[in-house]
Amino acid sequence: MAWDVTVPDTYAESHIGDTATEAGAAANKAAANKIAKYDELASMHIFYPVAIETGGTWNHLAVEFDQEIGRWATLITGKPRESTFVFQQLSIALQSGNAVAFLNNFDSD
């Protein structure tokens, strides 16, 4: 299994027209770009393009990836909530990254 994670900015000028009308538009576009980029890899491996917008929207393949990892972790640990834990950890990582990006937008004068 292989994956590539990208976090497109929901509010970037290049995405705002699409994200204002469709939730997850930037994530879906980023995932489609990753699928095209790694087309040859997908013939040899199970490939998941994980795209999560800065606004928090996940593309459907990222959700499938989370569920797949959760299923495998559940088989190993016997805990049925592993998918939820993976989702929470990734969401916290996204929020931490957003906080750093937000704080870096202020002048230090």
C-alpha atoms as a PDB file:
ATOM      1  CA  MET A   1       0.000   0.000   0.000  1.00  0.00           C
ATOM      2  CA  ALA A   2       1.240   3.491  -0.834  1.00  0.00           C
ATOM      3  CA  TRP A   3      -0.161   6.919  -0.142  1.00  0.00           C
ATOM      4  CA  ASP A   4       0.645  10.551  -0.686  1.00  0.00           C
ATOM      5  CA  VAL A   5      -0.766  13.274   1.530  1.00  0.00           C
ATOM      6  CA  THR A   6      -1.561  16.778   0.353  1.00  0.00           C
ATOM      7  CA  VAL A   7      -3.300  19.593   2.196  1.00  0.00           C
ATOM      8  CA  PRO A   8      -4.705  22.153  -0.254  1.00  0.00           C
ATOM      9  CA  ASP A   9      -5.693  25.554   1.125  1.00  0.00           C
ATOM     10  CA  THR A  10      -9.480  25.772   1.091  1.00  0.00           C
ATOM     11  CA  TYR A  11      -9.324  29.567   0.954  1.00  0.00           C
ATOM     12  CA  ALA A  12      -6.563  30.046  -1.652  1.00  0.00           C
ATOM     13  CA  GLU A  13      -7.462  32.231  -4.622  1.00  0.00           C
ATOM     14  CA  SER A  14      -6.939  29.276  -6.936  1.00  0.00           C
ATOM     15  CA  HIS A  15      -9.555  27.207  -5.052  1.00  0.00           C
ATOM     16  CA  ILE A  16     -12.036  29.673  -3.579  1.00  0.00           C
ATOM     17  CA  GLY A  17     -14.304  29.754  -6.636  1.00  0.00           C
ATOM     18  CA  ASP A  18     -14.762  25.977  -6.481  1.00  0.00           C
ATOM     19  CA  THR A  19     -14.775  25.532  -2.706  1.00  0.00           C
ATOM     20  CA  ALA A  20     -17.404  28.250  -2.292  1.00  0.00           C
ATOM     21  CA  THR A  21     -19.848  26.186  -4.343  1.00  0.00           C
ATOM     22  CA  GLU A  22     -18.789  22.608  -3.545  1.00  0.00           C
ATOM     23  CA  ALA A  23     -17.474  21.250  -0.264  1.00  0.00           C
ATOM     24  CA  GLY A  24     -14.251  19.355  -0.812  1.00  0.00           C
ATOM     25  CA  ALA A  25     -13.583  20.721  -4.305  1.00  0.00           C
ATOM     26  CA  ALA A  26      -9.931  21.520  -3.540  1.00  0.00           C
ATOM     27  CA  ALA A  27      -9.385  18.120  -1.914  1.00  0.00           C
ATOM     28  CA  ASN A  28     -11.001  16.309  -4.832  1.00  0.00           C
ATOM     29  CA  LYS A  29      -8.881  18.247  -7.345  1.00  0.00           C
ATOM     30  CA  ALA A  30      -5.692  17.541  -5.359  1.00  0.00           C
ATOM     31  CA  ALA A  31      -6.552  13.826  -5.169  1.00  0.00           C
ATOM     32  CA  ALA A  32      -7.192  13.697  -8.922  1.00  0.00           C
ATOM     33  CA  ASN A  33      -3.804  15.353  -9.531  1.00  0.00           C
ATOM     34  CA  LYS A  34      -2.080  12.766  -7.303  1.00  0.00           C
ATOM     35  CA  ILE A  35      -3.805   9.896  -9.103  1.00  0.00           C
ATOM     36  CA  ALA A  36      -2.558  11.256 -12.436  1.00  0.00           C
ATOM     37  CA  LYS A  37       0.946  11.849 -11.052  1.00  0.00           C
ATOM     38  CA  TYR A  38       1.309   8.329  -9.640  1.00  0.00           C
ATOM     39  CA  ASP A  39      -0.550   6.475 -12.378  1.00  0.00           C
ATOM     40  CA  GLU A  40       2.256   3.944 -12.883  1.00  0.00           C
ATOM     41  CA  LEU A  41       2.597   3.316  -9.136  1.00  0.00           C
ATOM     42  CA  ALA A  42      -1.080   2.405  -8.913  1.00  0.00           C
ATOM     43  CA  SER A  43      -0.559  -0.508 -11.301  1.00  0.00           C
ATOM     44  CA  MET A  44       1.863  -2.129  -8.823  1.00  0.00           C
ATOM     45  CA  HIS A  45       0.456  -1.003  -5.456  1.00  0.00           C
ATOM     46  CA  ILE A  46      -2.773  -0.072  -3.767  1.00  0.00           C
ATOM     47  CA  PHE A  47      -2.523   3.709  -3.923  1.00  0.00           C
ATOM     48  CA  TYR A  48      -4.461   6.220  -1.836  1.00  0.00           C
ATOM     49  CA  PRO A  49      -4.208   9.945  -2.520  1.00  0.00           C
ATOM     50  CA  VAL A  50      -4.954  11.478   0.869  1.00  0.00           C
ATOM     51  CA  ALA A  51      -6.196  15.045   0.385  1.00  0.00           C
ATOM     52  CA  ILE A  52      -7.502  17.006   3.354  1.00  0.00           C
ATOM     53  CA  GLU A  53      -8.365  20.674   2.937  1.00  0.00           C
ATOM     54  CA  THR A  54      -7.184  23.245   5.470  1.00  0.00           C
ATOM     55  CA  GLY A  55     -10.876  23.840   6.191  1.00  0.00           C
ATOM     56  CA  GLY A  56     -11.138  20.215   7.316  1.00  0.00           C
ATOM     57  CA  THR A  57     -12.894  18.550   4.356  1.00  0.00           C
ATOM     58  CA  TRP A  58     -11.528  15.132   3.367  1.00  0.00           C
ATOM     59  CA  ASN A  59     -11.824  13.666  -0.114  1.00  0.00           C
ATOM     60  CA  HIS A  60     -13.569  10.282  -0.268  1.00  0.00           C
ATOM     61  CA  LEU A  61     -10.343   8.355  -0.910  1.00  0.00           C
ATOM     62  CA  ALA A  62      -8.781   9.840   2.232  1.00  0.00           C
ATOM     63  CA  VAL A  63     -11.776   8.583   4.208  1.00  0.00           C
ATOM     64  CA  GLU A  64     -11.394   5.128   2.602  1.00  0.00           C
ATOM     65  CA  PHE A  65      -7.701   5.153   3.506  1.00  0.00           C
ATOM     66  CA  ASP A  66      -8.510   5.998   7.129  1.00  0.00           C
ATOM     67  CA  GLN A  67     -11.050   3.196   7.271  1.00  0.00           C
ATOM     68  CA  GLU A  68      -8.612   0.711   5.706  1.00  0.00           C
ATOM     69  CA  ILE A  69      -5.854   1.589   8.190  1.00  0.00           C
ATOM     70  CA  GLY A  70      -8.437   1.357  10.970  1.00  0.00           C
ATOM     71  CA  ARG A  71      -9.542  -2.108   9.825  1.00  0.00           C
ATOM     72  CA  TRP A  72      -5.963  -3.375   9.859  1.00  0.00           C
ATOM     73  CA  ALA A  73      -5.274  -1.801  13.252  1.00  0.00           C
ATOM     74  CA  THR A  74      -8.485  -3.358  14.613  1.00  0.00           C
ATOM     75  CA  LEU A  75      -7.338  -6.793  13.426  1.00  0.00           C
ATOM     76  CA  ILE A  76      -4.065  -6.313  15.293  1.00  0.00           C
ATOM     77  CA  THR A  77      -5.331  -4.684  18.490  1.00  0.00           C
ATOM     78  CA  GLY A  78      -8.878  -6.013  18.684  1.00  0.00           C
ATOM     79  CA  LYS A  79     -10.150  -2.479  19.363  1.00  0.00           C
ATOM     80  CA  PRO A  80     -13.060  -1.613  17.032  1.00  0.00           C
ATOM     81  CA  ARG A  81     -12.573   2.176  17.257  1.00  0.00           C
ATOM     82  CA  GLU A  82      -9.149   2.302  15.578  1.00  0.00           C
ATOM     83  CA  SER A  83     -10.517   4.133  12.494  1.00  0.00           C
ATOM     84  CA  THR A  84     -11.866   6.827  14.776  1.00  0.00           C
ATOM     85  CA  PHE A  85      -8.507   7.189  16.502  1.00  0.00           C
ATOM     86  CA  VAL A  86      -6.638   7.524  13.182  1.00  0.00           C
ATOM     87  CA  PHE A  87      -9.170  10.126  12.008  1.00  0.00           C
ATOM     88  CA  GLN A  88      -8.751  12.078  15.245  1.00  0.00           C
ATOM     89  CA  GLN A  89      -4.956  12.013  15.054  1.00  0.00           C
ATOM     90  CA  LEU A  90      -4.945  13.260  11.462  1.00  0.00           C
ATOM     91  CA  SER A  91      -7.480  15.965  12.314  1.00  0.00           C
ATOM     92  CA  ILE A  92      -5.343  17.181  15.220  1.00  0.00           C
ATOM     93  CA  ALA A  93      -2.265  17.242  12.975  1.00  0.00           C
ATOM     94  CA  LEU A  94      -4.223  19.362  10.472  1.00  0.00           C
ATOM     95  CA  GLN A  95      -5.342  21.777  13.191  1.00  0.00           C
ATOM     96  CA  SER A  96      -1.792  22.094  14.495  1.00  0.00           C
ATOM     97  CA  GLY A  97      -0.534  22.884  11.003  1.00  0.00           C
ATOM     98  CA  ASN A  98      -3.290  25.460  10.533  1.00  0.00           C
ATOM     99  CA  ALA A  99      -2.345  27.110  13.830  1.00  0.00           C
ATOM    100  CA  VAL A 100       1.305  27.397  12.800  1.00  0.00           C
ATOM    101  CA  ALA A 101       0.352  28.813   9.398  1.00  0.00           C
ATOM    102  CA  PHE A 102      -2.028  31.306  11.026  1.00  0.00           C
ATOM    103  CA  LEU A 103       0.517  32.495  13.580  1.00  0.00           C
ATOM    104  CA  ASN A 104       3.183  32.937  10.881  1.00  0.00           C
ATOM    105  CA  ASN A 105       0.960  35.479   9.110  1.00  0.00           C
ATOM    106  CA  PHE A 106       1.520  38.112  11.780  1.00  0.00           C
ATOM    107  CA  ASP A 107       4.353  40.613  11.670  1.00  0.00           C
ATOM    108  CA  SER A 108       6.808  40.344  14.539  1.00  0.00           C
ATOM    109  CA  ASP A 109       7.414  44.124  14.676  1.00  0.00           C
END
